[in-house]
């Protein structure tokens, strides 16, 4: 199974993005995944959070599965192989992680299968202007559009995806980590807090190495 892990960040968040790219690349090397990093924006007038979608579309044909991870998130190096999650849900096209409280999806980390369905869904999510203009949760950017699409079951996304309970794939705070959580996602934190937490983990990782 060929798996790619994609990150994007620009100079605005380079301070912690560089650290997390090092951590995530080490996890990829451990399990023989291809690590893919982009720094140049494709959208001219959308928030940087939207960049994940054209990047996934540009690269999906080269892999069986692509994994998106935000620049303020990193894999725990001692986490299990994420392919275990894929193999447990081999019949769906998207593997999503629930947000804190399990009410909505959080797009800071998700897995997508290379399929025509996935390409069609990503294309609609990325480029449908009506969905973009009528986003009921504009402060969530692309995540708001996805939640809207999920609530309306556009393109039968509910039948083509699974939502995994918060804490299994990712957690946001130190005290809500489960024993085998894969990702520490520093969502909602200041740039300095993200940098400090990521640097602390990288230093620990380097000491172990």
N, C-alpha and C. Protein backbone atom coordinates (compact mmCIF):
# COMPACT_ATOMS: atom_id res chain seq x y z
N UNK A 1 0.84 -1.20 0.00
CA UNK A 1 0.00 0.00 0.00
C UNK A 1 0.88 1.25 0.00
N UNK A 2 0.67 2.12 -0.97
CA UNK A 2 1.45 3.34 -1.06
C UNK A 2 0.69 4.48 -0.38
N UNK A 3 1.31 5.04 0.65
CA UNK A 3 0.66 6.07 1.47
C UNK A 3 1.51 7.34 1.46
N UNK A 4 0.86 8.47 1.27
CA UNK A 4 1.53 9.75 1.34
C UNK A 4 0.93 10.60 2.46
N UNK A 5 1.78 11.37 3.11
CA UNK A 5 1.35 12.30 4.17
C UNK A 5 1.69 13.71 3.69
N UNK A 6 0.67 14.57 3.65
CA UNK A 6 0.83 15.92 3.10
C UNK A 6 0.68 16.97 4.19
N UNK A 7 1.58 17.95 4.15
CA UNK A 7 1.50 19.16 4.99
C UNK A 7 1.63 20.39 4.11
N UNK A 8 1.06 21.49 4.57
CA UNK A 8 1.25 22.79 3.94
C UNK A 8 1.41 23.85 5.02
N UNK A 9 2.34 24.77 4.79
CA UNK A 9 2.39 25.99 5.59
C UNK A 9 3.19 27.02 4.82
N UNK A 10 2.89 28.28 5.11
CA UNK A 10 3.63 29.38 4.49
C UNK A 10 4.48 30.07 5.55
N UNK A 11 5.07 31.19 5.18
CA UNK A 11 6.01 31.87 6.09
C UNK A 11 5.34 32.36 7.37
N UNK A 12 4.02 32.54 7.34
CA UNK A 12 3.33 33.06 8.51
C UNK A 12 3.41 32.10 9.70
N UNK A 13 3.47 30.83 9.41
CA UNK A 13 3.50 29.84 10.51
C UNK A 13 4.72 28.92 10.41
N UNK A 14 5.73 29.42 9.73
CA UNK A 14 6.96 28.65 9.54
C UNK A 14 7.63 28.28 10.86
N UNK A 15 7.44 29.12 11.87
CA UNK A 15 8.11 28.93 13.16
C UNK A 15 7.84 27.55 13.74
N UNK A 16 6.57 27.14 13.74
CA UNK A 16 6.26 25.81 14.25
C UNK A 16 6.04 24.79 13.12
N UNK A 17 5.73 25.28 11.92
CA UNK A 17 5.56 24.37 10.80
C UNK A 17 6.83 23.60 10.50
N UNK A 18 7.98 24.28 10.57
CA UNK A 18 9.26 23.61 10.30
C UNK A 18 9.52 22.49 11.30
N UNK A 19 9.17 22.74 12.57
CA UNK A 19 9.39 21.73 13.60
C UNK A 19 8.50 20.51 13.36
N UNK A 20 7.22 20.77 13.11
CA UNK A 20 6.30 19.67 12.92
C UNK A 20 6.58 18.88 11.65
N UNK A 21 7.12 19.55 10.64
CA UNK A 21 7.49 18.81 9.42
C UNK A 21 8.62 17.82 9.72
N UNK A 22 9.55 18.20 10.58
CA UNK A 22 10.63 17.28 10.97
C UNK A 22 10.06 16.07 11.72
N UNK A 23 9.17 16.35 12.67
CA UNK A 23 8.57 15.26 13.46
C UNK A 23 7.78 14.32 12.55
N UNK A 24 6.96 14.90 11.68
CA UNK A 24 6.10 14.08 10.82
C UNK A 24 6.91 13.30 9.79
N UNK A 25 7.98 13.88 9.33
CA UNK A 25 8.84 13.16 8.38
C UNK A 25 9.46 11.94 9.06
N UNK A 26 9.84 12.07 10.32
CA UNK A 26 10.41 10.94 11.05
C UNK A 26 9.39 9.80 11.19
N UNK A 27 8.14 10.16 11.46
CA UNK A 27 7.09 9.14 11.55
C UNK A 27 6.93 8.45 10.19
N UNK A 28 6.94 9.23 9.13
CA UNK A 28 6.80 8.66 7.78
C UNK A 28 7.96 7.71 7.46
N UNK A 29 9.14 8.11 7.82
CA UNK A 29 10.31 7.25 7.58
C UNK A 29 10.19 5.93 8.34
N UNK A 30 9.63 6.02 9.53
CA UNK A 30 9.49 4.82 10.35
C UNK A 30 8.60 3.78 9.67
N UNK A 31 7.54 4.24 9.00
CA UNK A 31 6.58 3.32 8.41
C UNK A 31 6.60 3.32 6.88
N UNK A 32 7.63 3.90 6.31
CA UNK A 32 7.82 3.89 4.86
C UNK A 32 6.69 4.59 4.11
N UNK A 33 6.27 5.75 4.62
CA UNK A 33 5.33 6.60 3.91
C UNK A 33 6.12 7.69 3.19
N UNK A 34 5.52 8.26 2.16
CA UNK A 34 6.15 9.40 1.50
C UNK A 34 5.67 10.69 2.16
N UNK A 35 6.60 11.52 2.58
CA UNK A 35 6.25 12.80 3.21
C UNK A 35 6.31 13.89 2.14
N UNK A 36 5.22 14.67 2.05
CA UNK A 36 5.08 15.68 1.01
C UNK A 36 4.81 17.02 1.67
N UNK A 37 5.66 17.98 1.41
CA UNK A 37 5.54 19.31 2.02
C UNK A 37 5.42 20.36 0.93
N UNK A 38 4.41 21.26 1.09
CA UNK A 38 4.22 22.38 0.17
C UNK A 38 4.21 23.68 0.96
N UNK A 39 4.70 24.72 0.31
CA UNK A 39 4.76 26.05 0.94
C UNK A 39 4.17 27.16 0.10
N UNK A 40 3.83 26.87 -1.15
CA UNK A 40 3.28 27.90 -2.04
C UNK A 40 1.78 27.72 -2.20
N UNK A 41 1.05 28.83 -2.04
CA UNK A 41 -0.40 28.80 -2.11
C UNK A 41 -0.89 28.63 -3.55
N UNK A 42 -2.01 27.94 -3.67
CA UNK A 42 -2.67 27.78 -4.96
C UNK A 42 -3.89 28.70 -5.07
N UNK A 43 -4.60 28.90 -3.98
CA UNK A 43 -5.73 29.84 -3.98
C UNK A 43 -5.19 31.26 -3.84
N UNK A 44 -5.78 32.16 -4.57
CA UNK A 44 -5.36 33.56 -4.49
C UNK A 44 -6.15 34.35 -3.45
N UNK A 45 -7.38 33.97 -3.20
CA UNK A 45 -8.20 34.77 -2.30
C UNK A 45 -9.02 33.91 -1.32
N UNK A 46 -8.41 32.83 -0.86
CA UNK A 46 -9.03 32.05 0.22
C UNK A 46 -7.99 31.86 1.32
N UNK A 47 -8.51 31.60 2.52
CA UNK A 47 -7.63 31.35 3.67
C UNK A 47 -6.75 30.14 3.38
N UNK A 48 -5.58 30.14 3.99
CA UNK A 48 -4.61 29.06 3.77
C UNK A 48 -5.14 27.67 4.14
N UNK A 49 -6.13 27.62 5.00
CA UNK A 49 -6.71 26.32 5.37
C UNK A 49 -7.27 25.59 4.15
N UNK A 50 -7.67 26.34 3.13
CA UNK A 50 -8.22 25.72 1.93
C UNK A 50 -7.17 25.00 1.09
N UNK A 51 -5.90 25.26 1.34
CA UNK A 51 -4.85 24.73 0.48
C UNK A 51 -4.81 23.21 0.47
N UNK A 52 -5.31 22.59 1.51
CA UNK A 52 -5.25 21.13 1.57
C UNK A 52 -5.97 20.47 0.39
N UNK A 53 -7.03 21.10 -0.09
CA UNK A 53 -7.88 20.44 -1.09
C UNK A 53 -7.23 20.35 -2.47
N UNK A 54 -6.74 21.45 -3.07
CA UNK A 54 -6.04 21.29 -4.36
C UNK A 54 -4.78 20.43 -4.24
N UNK A 55 -4.11 20.48 -3.09
CA UNK A 55 -2.91 19.66 -2.91
C UNK A 55 -3.26 18.17 -2.90
N UNK A 56 -4.33 17.83 -2.24
CA UNK A 56 -4.78 16.44 -2.25
C UNK A 56 -5.15 16.01 -3.67
N UNK A 57 -5.87 16.85 -4.36
CA UNK A 57 -6.27 16.52 -5.73
C UNK A 57 -5.06 16.38 -6.66
N UNK A 58 -4.07 17.22 -6.48
CA UNK A 58 -2.88 17.17 -7.34
C UNK A 58 -2.05 15.90 -7.12
N UNK A 59 -2.18 15.29 -5.94
CA UNK A 59 -1.28 14.18 -5.59
C UNK A 59 -1.96 12.83 -5.45
N UNK A 60 -3.27 12.81 -5.43
CA UNK A 60 -3.98 11.57 -5.07
C UNK A 60 -3.72 10.43 -6.06
N UNK A 61 -3.52 10.76 -7.32
CA UNK A 61 -3.34 9.69 -8.32
C UNK A 61 -2.05 8.91 -8.11
N UNK A 62 -1.13 9.42 -7.31
CA UNK A 62 0.17 8.76 -7.10
C UNK A 62 0.18 7.82 -5.90
N UNK A 63 -0.94 7.71 -5.20
CA UNK A 63 -0.97 6.94 -3.96
C UNK A 63 -2.25 6.11 -3.86
N UNK A 64 -2.20 5.10 -3.02
CA UNK A 64 -3.43 4.39 -2.64
C UNK A 64 -4.22 5.21 -1.64
N UNK A 65 -3.50 5.85 -0.71
CA UNK A 65 -4.13 6.70 0.29
C UNK A 65 -3.26 7.93 0.53
N UNK A 66 -3.94 9.05 0.78
CA UNK A 66 -3.27 10.26 1.22
C UNK A 66 -3.77 10.63 2.61
N UNK A 67 -2.86 11.12 3.42
CA UNK A 67 -3.18 11.57 4.77
C UNK A 67 -2.88 13.06 4.85
N UNK A 68 -3.87 13.82 5.25
CA UNK A 68 -3.65 15.25 5.48
C UNK A 68 -3.38 15.49 6.96
N UNK A 69 -2.36 16.32 7.25
CA UNK A 69 -2.10 16.73 8.63
C UNK A 69 -1.78 18.21 8.64
N UNK A 70 -2.45 18.97 9.50
CA UNK A 70 -2.23 20.41 9.61
C UNK A 70 -0.82 20.71 10.11
N UNK A 71 -0.38 21.92 9.83
CA UNK A 71 0.97 22.33 10.22
C UNK A 71 1.13 22.51 11.73
N UNK A 72 0.01 22.61 12.45
CA UNK A 72 0.09 22.72 13.92
C UNK A 72 -0.18 21.37 14.58
N UNK A 73 0.13 20.30 13.87
CA UNK A 73 -0.10 18.95 14.39
C UNK A 73 1.09 18.05 14.07
N UNK A 74 1.30 17.07 14.92
CA UNK A 74 2.38 16.11 14.65
C UNK A 74 2.01 14.72 15.12
N UNK A 75 2.55 13.74 14.41
CA UNK A 75 2.42 12.34 14.81
C UNK A 75 3.30 12.05 16.02
N UNK A 76 2.78 11.30 16.95
CA UNK A 76 3.63 10.74 17.99
C UNK A 76 4.48 9.65 17.34
N UNK A 77 5.78 9.73 17.55
CA UNK A 77 6.67 8.79 16.88
C UNK A 77 6.48 7.36 17.36
N UNK A 78 5.98 7.20 18.58
CA UNK A 78 5.75 5.86 19.10
C UNK A 78 4.32 5.37 18.85
N UNK A 79 3.56 6.13 18.05
CA UNK A 79 2.20 5.70 17.72
C UNK A 79 2.26 4.50 16.79
N UNK A 80 1.18 3.74 16.79
CA UNK A 80 1.07 2.59 15.89
C UNK A 80 1.07 3.06 14.44
N UNK A 81 1.20 2.13 13.55
CA UNK A 81 1.14 2.42 12.12
C UNK A 81 -0.29 2.83 11.75
N UNK A 82 -0.45 4.01 11.17
CA UNK A 82 -1.78 4.51 10.82
C UNK A 82 -2.46 3.63 9.77
N UNK A 83 -1.69 2.79 9.09
CA UNK A 83 -2.28 1.85 8.14
C UNK A 83 -3.24 0.89 8.85
N UNK A 84 -3.03 0.66 10.13
CA UNK A 84 -3.98 -0.17 10.89
C UNK A 84 -5.38 0.42 10.83
N UNK A 85 -5.47 1.75 10.93
CA UNK A 85 -6.77 2.43 10.84
C UNK A 85 -7.35 2.26 9.45
N UNK A 86 -6.51 2.44 8.44
CA UNK A 86 -6.97 2.27 7.06
C UNK A 86 -7.50 0.87 6.84
N UNK A 87 -6.77 -0.13 7.28
CA UNK A 87 -7.19 -1.52 7.07
C UNK A 87 -8.49 -1.86 7.79
N UNK A 88 -8.75 -1.16 8.87
CA UNK A 88 -10.01 -1.39 9.60
C UNK A 88 -11.21 -0.74 8.91
N UNK A 89 -10.94 0.15 7.94
CA UNK A 89 -12.03 0.88 7.27
C UNK A 89 -11.77 0.93 5.77
N UNK A 90 -11.39 -0.21 5.23
CA UNK A 90 -10.93 -0.29 3.85
C UNK A 90 -12.04 -0.01 2.85
N UNK A 91 -13.30 -0.10 3.26
CA UNK A 91 -14.42 0.05 2.33
C UNK A 91 -14.96 1.47 2.23
N UNK A 92 -14.36 2.42 2.93
CA UNK A 92 -14.82 3.81 2.83
C UNK A 92 -13.76 4.65 2.14
N UNK A 93 -14.19 5.78 1.59
CA UNK A 93 -13.28 6.65 0.85
C UNK A 93 -12.63 7.72 1.71
N UNK A 94 -13.31 8.12 2.77
CA UNK A 94 -12.77 9.13 3.67
C UNK A 94 -12.83 8.63 5.11
N UNK A 95 -11.74 8.81 5.82
CA UNK A 95 -11.69 8.52 7.26
C UNK A 95 -11.47 9.85 7.96
N UNK A 96 -12.52 10.31 8.64
CA UNK A 96 -12.47 11.60 9.32
C UNK A 96 -12.32 11.43 10.82
N UNK A 97 -11.78 12.45 11.44
CA UNK A 97 -11.69 12.50 12.90
C UNK A 97 -12.71 13.49 13.43
N UNK A 98 -13.43 13.09 14.43
CA UNK A 98 -14.36 14.02 15.06
C UNK A 98 -13.63 15.13 15.81
N UNK A 99 -14.30 16.25 15.90
CA UNK A 99 -13.79 17.39 16.66
C UNK A 99 -14.06 17.16 18.14
N UNK A 100 -13.51 18.04 18.96
CA UNK A 100 -13.75 17.99 20.39
C UNK A 100 -15.25 18.01 20.66
N UNK A 101 -15.75 17.08 21.45
CA UNK A 101 -17.18 16.98 21.72
C UNK A 101 -17.92 16.05 20.79
N UNK A 102 -17.25 15.59 19.73
CA UNK A 102 -17.81 14.61 18.79
C UNK A 102 -19.06 15.07 18.05
N UNK A 103 -19.24 16.39 17.92
CA UNK A 103 -20.43 16.89 17.22
C UNK A 103 -20.15 17.12 15.73
N UNK A 104 -18.94 17.45 15.39
CA UNK A 104 -18.58 17.75 14.00
C UNK A 104 -17.25 17.11 13.64
N UNK A 105 -16.92 17.17 12.35
CA UNK A 105 -15.63 16.70 11.85
C UNK A 105 -14.59 17.80 12.03
N UNK A 106 -13.37 17.40 12.35
CA UNK A 106 -12.25 18.34 12.36
C UNK A 106 -11.32 17.95 11.21
N UNK A 107 -11.05 18.90 10.31
CA UNK A 107 -10.29 18.59 9.10
C UNK A 107 -8.78 18.77 9.28
N UNK A 108 -8.33 18.95 10.50
CA UNK A 108 -6.90 19.06 10.73
C UNK A 108 -6.15 17.78 10.44
N UNK A 109 -6.88 16.68 10.39
CA UNK A 109 -6.29 15.39 10.07
C UNK A 109 -7.37 14.50 9.48
N UNK A 110 -7.13 13.96 8.30
CA UNK A 110 -8.04 12.98 7.74
C UNK A 110 -7.32 12.16 6.67
N UNK A 111 -7.95 11.06 6.29
CA UNK A 111 -7.37 10.11 5.36
C UNK A 111 -8.32 9.95 4.18
N UNK A 112 -7.77 9.94 2.96
CA UNK A 112 -8.60 9.82 1.77
C UNK A 112 -8.05 8.72 0.85
N UNK A 113 -8.94 7.89 0.37
CA UNK A 113 -8.57 6.81 -0.56
C UNK A 113 -8.53 7.35 -1.99
N UNK A 114 -7.60 6.83 -2.77
CA UNK A 114 -7.56 7.14 -4.19
C UNK A 114 -8.70 6.42 -4.89
N UNK A 115 -9.75 7.15 -5.22
CA UNK A 115 -10.90 6.59 -5.94
C UNK A 115 -11.56 7.72 -6.72
N UNK A 116 -12.36 7.37 -7.70
CA UNK A 116 -13.07 8.40 -8.45
C UNK A 116 -14.03 9.16 -7.55
N UNK A 117 -14.65 8.43 -6.61
CA UNK A 117 -15.54 9.12 -5.68
C UNK A 117 -14.78 10.20 -4.91
N UNK A 118 -13.61 9.86 -4.39
CA UNK A 118 -12.84 10.82 -3.60
C UNK A 118 -12.47 12.04 -4.44
N UNK A 119 -12.05 11.81 -5.68
CA UNK A 119 -11.69 12.92 -6.56
C UNK A 119 -12.89 13.82 -6.80
N UNK A 120 -14.04 13.22 -7.06
CA UNK A 120 -15.26 14.01 -7.30
C UNK A 120 -15.65 14.80 -6.06
N UNK A 121 -15.55 14.16 -4.90
CA UNK A 121 -15.94 14.86 -3.68
C UNK A 121 -14.97 16.00 -3.36
N UNK A 122 -13.68 15.73 -3.45
CA UNK A 122 -12.68 16.76 -3.19
C UNK A 122 -12.85 17.94 -4.15
N UNK A 123 -13.17 17.66 -5.40
CA UNK A 123 -13.36 18.71 -6.39
C UNK A 123 -14.55 19.59 -6.04
N UNK A 124 -15.64 18.97 -5.62
CA UNK A 124 -16.82 19.75 -5.21
C UNK A 124 -16.52 20.57 -3.97
N UNK A 125 -15.91 19.94 -3.01
CA UNK A 125 -15.54 20.63 -1.76
C UNK A 125 -14.60 21.80 -2.04
N UNK A 126 -13.69 21.63 -2.93
CA UNK A 126 -12.67 22.65 -3.20
C UNK A 126 -13.16 23.80 -4.06
N UNK A 127 -14.05 23.50 -5.03
CA UNK A 127 -14.29 24.49 -6.08
C UNK A 127 -15.75 24.87 -6.30
N UNK A 128 -16.68 24.26 -5.59
CA UNK A 128 -18.08 24.65 -5.77
C UNK A 128 -18.30 26.04 -5.15
N UNK A 129 -18.56 27.03 -5.98
CA UNK A 129 -18.66 28.41 -5.51
C UNK A 129 -19.90 28.64 -4.65
N UNK A 130 -20.98 27.93 -4.94
CA UNK A 130 -22.19 28.10 -4.13
C UNK A 130 -21.96 27.60 -2.70
N UNK A 131 -21.30 26.46 -2.57
CA UNK A 131 -20.99 25.96 -1.24
C UNK A 131 -20.06 26.92 -0.50
N UNK A 132 -19.09 27.45 -1.23
CA UNK A 132 -18.14 28.38 -0.63
C UNK A 132 -18.82 29.67 -0.17
N UNK A 133 -19.66 30.24 -1.01
CA UNK A 133 -20.30 31.51 -0.70
C UNK A 133 -21.37 31.37 0.37
N UNK A 134 -21.97 30.19 0.46
CA UNK A 134 -23.06 29.97 1.42
C UNK A 134 -22.63 29.14 2.63
N UNK A 135 -21.34 29.13 2.89
CA UNK A 135 -20.81 28.40 4.04
C UNK A 135 -21.48 28.89 5.32
N UNK A 136 -22.23 28.04 6.02
CA UNK A 136 -22.90 28.49 7.25
C UNK A 136 -21.95 28.67 8.43
N UNK A 137 -20.71 28.19 8.27
CA UNK A 137 -19.71 28.31 9.32
C UNK A 137 -18.43 28.92 8.73
N UNK A 138 -18.49 30.16 8.24
CA UNK A 138 -17.34 30.75 7.53
C UNK A 138 -16.08 30.85 8.38
N UNK A 139 -16.24 30.92 9.70
CA UNK A 139 -15.08 31.01 10.60
C UNK A 139 -14.35 29.67 10.69
N UNK A 140 -14.92 28.61 10.11
CA UNK A 140 -14.26 27.31 10.03
C UNK A 140 -13.68 27.04 8.63
N UNK A 141 -13.78 28.02 7.74
CA UNK A 141 -13.21 27.92 6.39
C UNK A 141 -13.65 26.63 5.68
N UNK A 142 -12.72 25.85 5.17
CA UNK A 142 -13.07 24.62 4.45
C UNK A 142 -13.79 23.61 5.33
N UNK A 143 -13.45 23.62 6.61
CA UNK A 143 -14.12 22.69 7.54
C UNK A 143 -15.61 23.02 7.63
N UNK A 144 -15.95 24.30 7.59
CA UNK A 144 -17.35 24.70 7.62
C UNK A 144 -18.12 24.17 6.43
N UNK A 145 -17.49 24.24 5.26
CA UNK A 145 -18.13 23.71 4.06
C UNK A 145 -18.30 22.19 4.16
N UNK A 146 -17.29 21.50 4.67
CA UNK A 146 -17.41 20.05 4.84
C UNK A 146 -18.54 19.69 5.80
N UNK A 147 -18.62 20.39 6.91
CA UNK A 147 -19.70 20.11 7.87
C UNK A 147 -21.05 20.32 7.21
N UNK A 148 -21.18 21.38 6.42
CA UNK A 148 -22.41 21.66 5.69
C UNK A 148 -22.71 20.53 4.69
N UNK A 149 -21.70 20.09 3.97
CA UNK A 149 -21.89 19.00 3.02
C UNK A 149 -22.29 17.71 3.72
N UNK A 150 -21.69 17.49 4.87
CA UNK A 150 -22.02 16.29 5.63
C UNK A 150 -23.45 16.36 6.17
N UNK A 151 -23.82 17.51 6.70
CA UNK A 151 -25.18 17.66 7.25
C UNK A 151 -26.25 17.47 6.18
N UNK A 152 -25.93 17.88 4.96
CA UNK A 152 -26.87 17.75 3.83
C UNK A 152 -26.65 16.46 3.05
N UNK A 153 -25.67 15.70 3.44
CA UNK A 153 -25.29 14.44 2.79
C UNK A 153 -25.07 14.63 1.29
N UNK A 154 -24.37 15.69 0.94
CA UNK A 154 -24.06 15.95 -0.45
C UNK A 154 -23.12 14.87 -0.99
N UNK A 155 -23.45 14.36 -2.18
CA UNK A 155 -22.72 13.26 -2.82
C UNK A 155 -22.67 12.01 -1.94
N UNK A 156 -23.67 11.88 -1.08
CA UNK A 156 -23.75 10.70 -0.20
C UNK A 156 -22.49 10.50 0.63
N UNK A 157 -21.96 11.60 1.14
CA UNK A 157 -20.72 11.51 1.90
C UNK A 157 -20.87 10.65 3.16
N UNK A 158 -22.05 10.63 3.74
CA UNK A 158 -22.22 9.82 4.96
C UNK A 158 -22.02 8.34 4.68
N UNK A 159 -22.40 7.89 3.48
CA UNK A 159 -22.26 6.49 3.12
C UNK A 159 -20.85 6.17 2.63
N UNK A 160 -20.07 7.18 2.37
CA UNK A 160 -18.74 6.99 1.81
C UNK A 160 -17.62 7.40 2.76
N UNK A 161 -17.96 7.55 4.03
CA UNK A 161 -16.94 7.98 4.99
C UNK A 161 -17.25 7.40 6.36
N UNK A 162 -16.30 7.57 7.24
CA UNK A 162 -16.51 7.21 8.64
C UNK A 162 -15.94 8.32 9.51
N UNK A 163 -16.62 8.61 10.60
CA UNK A 163 -16.14 9.57 11.58
C UNK A 163 -15.65 8.80 12.80
N UNK A 164 -14.39 8.97 13.12
CA UNK A 164 -13.81 8.28 14.26
C UNK A 164 -13.83 9.20 15.47
N UNK A 165 -14.18 8.63 16.59
CA UNK A 165 -14.37 9.40 17.82
C UNK A 165 -13.13 10.23 18.18
N UNK A 166 -13.41 11.44 18.67
CA UNK A 166 -12.34 12.33 19.10
C UNK A 166 -11.44 11.61 20.11
N UNK A 167 -10.14 11.83 19.95
CA UNK A 167 -9.17 11.23 20.85
C UNK A 167 -8.48 10.00 20.30
N UNK A 168 -9.09 9.36 19.31
CA UNK A 168 -8.48 8.16 18.72
C UNK A 168 -7.40 8.56 17.72
N UNK A 169 -7.79 9.38 16.74
CA UNK A 169 -6.81 9.84 15.75
C UNK A 169 -6.03 11.05 16.25
N UNK A 170 -6.72 11.99 16.87
CA UNK A 170 -6.05 13.22 17.32
C UNK A 170 -6.65 13.71 18.63
N UNK A 171 -5.83 14.45 19.37
CA UNK A 171 -6.31 15.12 20.57
C UNK A 171 -5.72 16.52 20.56
N UNK A 172 -6.35 17.43 21.34
CA UNK A 172 -5.96 18.84 21.34
C UNK A 172 -5.24 19.27 22.61
N UNK A 173 -5.48 18.57 23.71
CA UNK A 173 -4.93 18.99 24.99
C UNK A 173 -4.23 17.81 25.66
N UNK A 174 -3.24 18.12 26.47
CA UNK A 174 -2.43 17.07 27.08
C UNK A 174 -3.26 16.09 27.90
N UNK A 175 -4.26 16.59 28.60
CA UNK A 175 -5.01 15.73 29.51
C UNK A 175 -6.10 14.90 28.83
N UNK A 176 -6.28 15.06 27.50
CA UNK A 176 -7.29 14.21 26.84
C UNK A 176 -6.66 13.23 25.85
N UNK A 177 -5.36 13.01 25.98
CA UNK A 177 -4.70 12.01 25.15
C UNK A 177 -5.07 10.61 25.63
N UNK A 178 -5.43 9.76 24.69
CA UNK A 178 -5.66 8.37 25.00
C UNK A 178 -4.34 7.61 24.90
N UNK A 179 -4.35 6.37 25.30
CA UNK A 179 -3.10 5.60 25.33
C UNK A 179 -2.45 5.50 23.96
N UNK A 180 -3.28 5.34 22.92
CA UNK A 180 -2.72 5.10 21.59
C UNK A 180 -3.10 6.18 20.58
N UNK A 181 -3.35 7.40 21.02
CA UNK A 181 -3.66 8.49 20.11
C UNK A 181 -2.50 8.71 19.13
N UNK A 182 -2.84 8.98 17.88
CA UNK A 182 -1.82 9.12 16.84
C UNK A 182 -1.25 10.53 16.74
N UNK A 183 -2.09 11.54 16.91
CA UNK A 183 -1.73 12.92 16.56
C UNK A 183 -1.97 13.86 17.74
N UNK A 184 -1.00 14.76 17.96
CA UNK A 184 -1.21 15.89 18.86
C UNK A 184 -1.46 17.10 17.97
N UNK A 185 -2.68 17.61 18.01
CA UNK A 185 -3.10 18.74 17.17
C UNK A 185 -3.28 19.95 18.09
N UNK A 186 -2.44 20.95 17.91
CA UNK A 186 -2.44 22.12 18.79
C UNK A 186 -3.43 23.16 18.29
N UNK A 187 -4.65 22.72 18.09
CA UNK A 187 -5.71 23.57 17.54
C UNK A 187 -6.06 24.70 18.51
N UNK A 188 -6.23 25.89 17.95
CA UNK A 188 -6.69 27.02 18.75
C UNK A 188 -5.64 27.65 19.64
N UNK A 189 -4.42 27.17 19.60
CA UNK A 189 -3.37 27.73 20.44
C UNK A 189 -2.67 28.88 19.75
N UNK A 190 -2.02 29.73 20.50
CA UNK A 190 -1.24 30.82 19.93
C UNK A 190 -0.02 30.25 19.23
N UNK A 191 0.59 31.05 18.37
CA UNK A 191 1.79 30.62 17.66
C UNK A 191 2.90 30.23 18.64
N UNK A 192 3.06 31.01 19.70
CA UNK A 192 4.10 30.71 20.69
C UNK A 192 3.84 29.40 21.40
N UNK A 193 2.58 29.14 21.76
CA UNK A 193 2.24 27.89 22.45
C UNK A 193 2.45 26.69 21.54
N UNK A 194 2.11 26.85 20.27
CA UNK A 194 2.33 25.78 19.32
C UNK A 194 3.82 25.48 19.17
N UNK A 195 4.58 26.55 19.04
CA UNK A 195 6.03 26.39 18.91
C UNK A 195 6.61 25.68 20.14
N UNK A 196 6.23 26.11 21.33
CA UNK A 196 6.77 25.54 22.56
C UNK A 196 6.45 24.06 22.68
N UNK A 197 5.19 23.69 22.40
CA UNK A 197 4.79 22.29 22.53
C UNK A 197 5.48 21.41 21.49
N UNK A 198 5.57 21.91 20.28
CA UNK A 198 6.21 21.13 19.22
C UNK A 198 7.71 20.99 19.47
N UNK A 199 8.34 22.09 19.88
CA UNK A 199 9.78 22.07 20.16
C UNK A 199 10.08 21.12 21.31
N UNK A 200 9.23 21.13 22.32
CA UNK A 200 9.42 20.24 23.47
C UNK A 200 9.38 18.78 23.02
N UNK A 201 8.44 18.46 22.13
CA UNK A 201 8.35 17.07 21.68
C UNK A 201 9.53 16.71 20.78
N UNK A 202 9.92 17.62 19.91
CA UNK A 202 11.06 17.33 19.04
C UNK A 202 12.33 17.11 19.86
N UNK A 203 12.54 17.94 20.87
CA UNK A 203 13.72 17.78 21.73
C UNK A 203 13.70 16.41 22.40
N UNK A 204 12.53 16.01 22.87
CA UNK A 204 12.40 14.70 23.51
C UNK A 204 12.69 13.59 22.50
N UNK A 205 12.22 13.75 21.30
CA UNK A 205 12.42 12.76 20.25
C UNK A 205 13.90 12.63 19.90
N UNK A 206 14.58 13.75 19.83
CA UNK A 206 16.00 13.74 19.50
C UNK A 206 16.84 13.11 20.62
N UNK A 207 16.41 13.34 21.86
CA UNK A 207 17.11 12.73 22.99
C UNK A 207 16.99 11.21 22.96
N UNK A 208 15.80 10.74 22.60
CA UNK A 208 15.57 9.30 22.50
C UNK A 208 16.41 8.70 21.39
N UNK A 209 16.49 9.44 20.28
CA UNK A 209 17.26 8.95 19.12
C UNK A 209 18.75 8.86 19.45
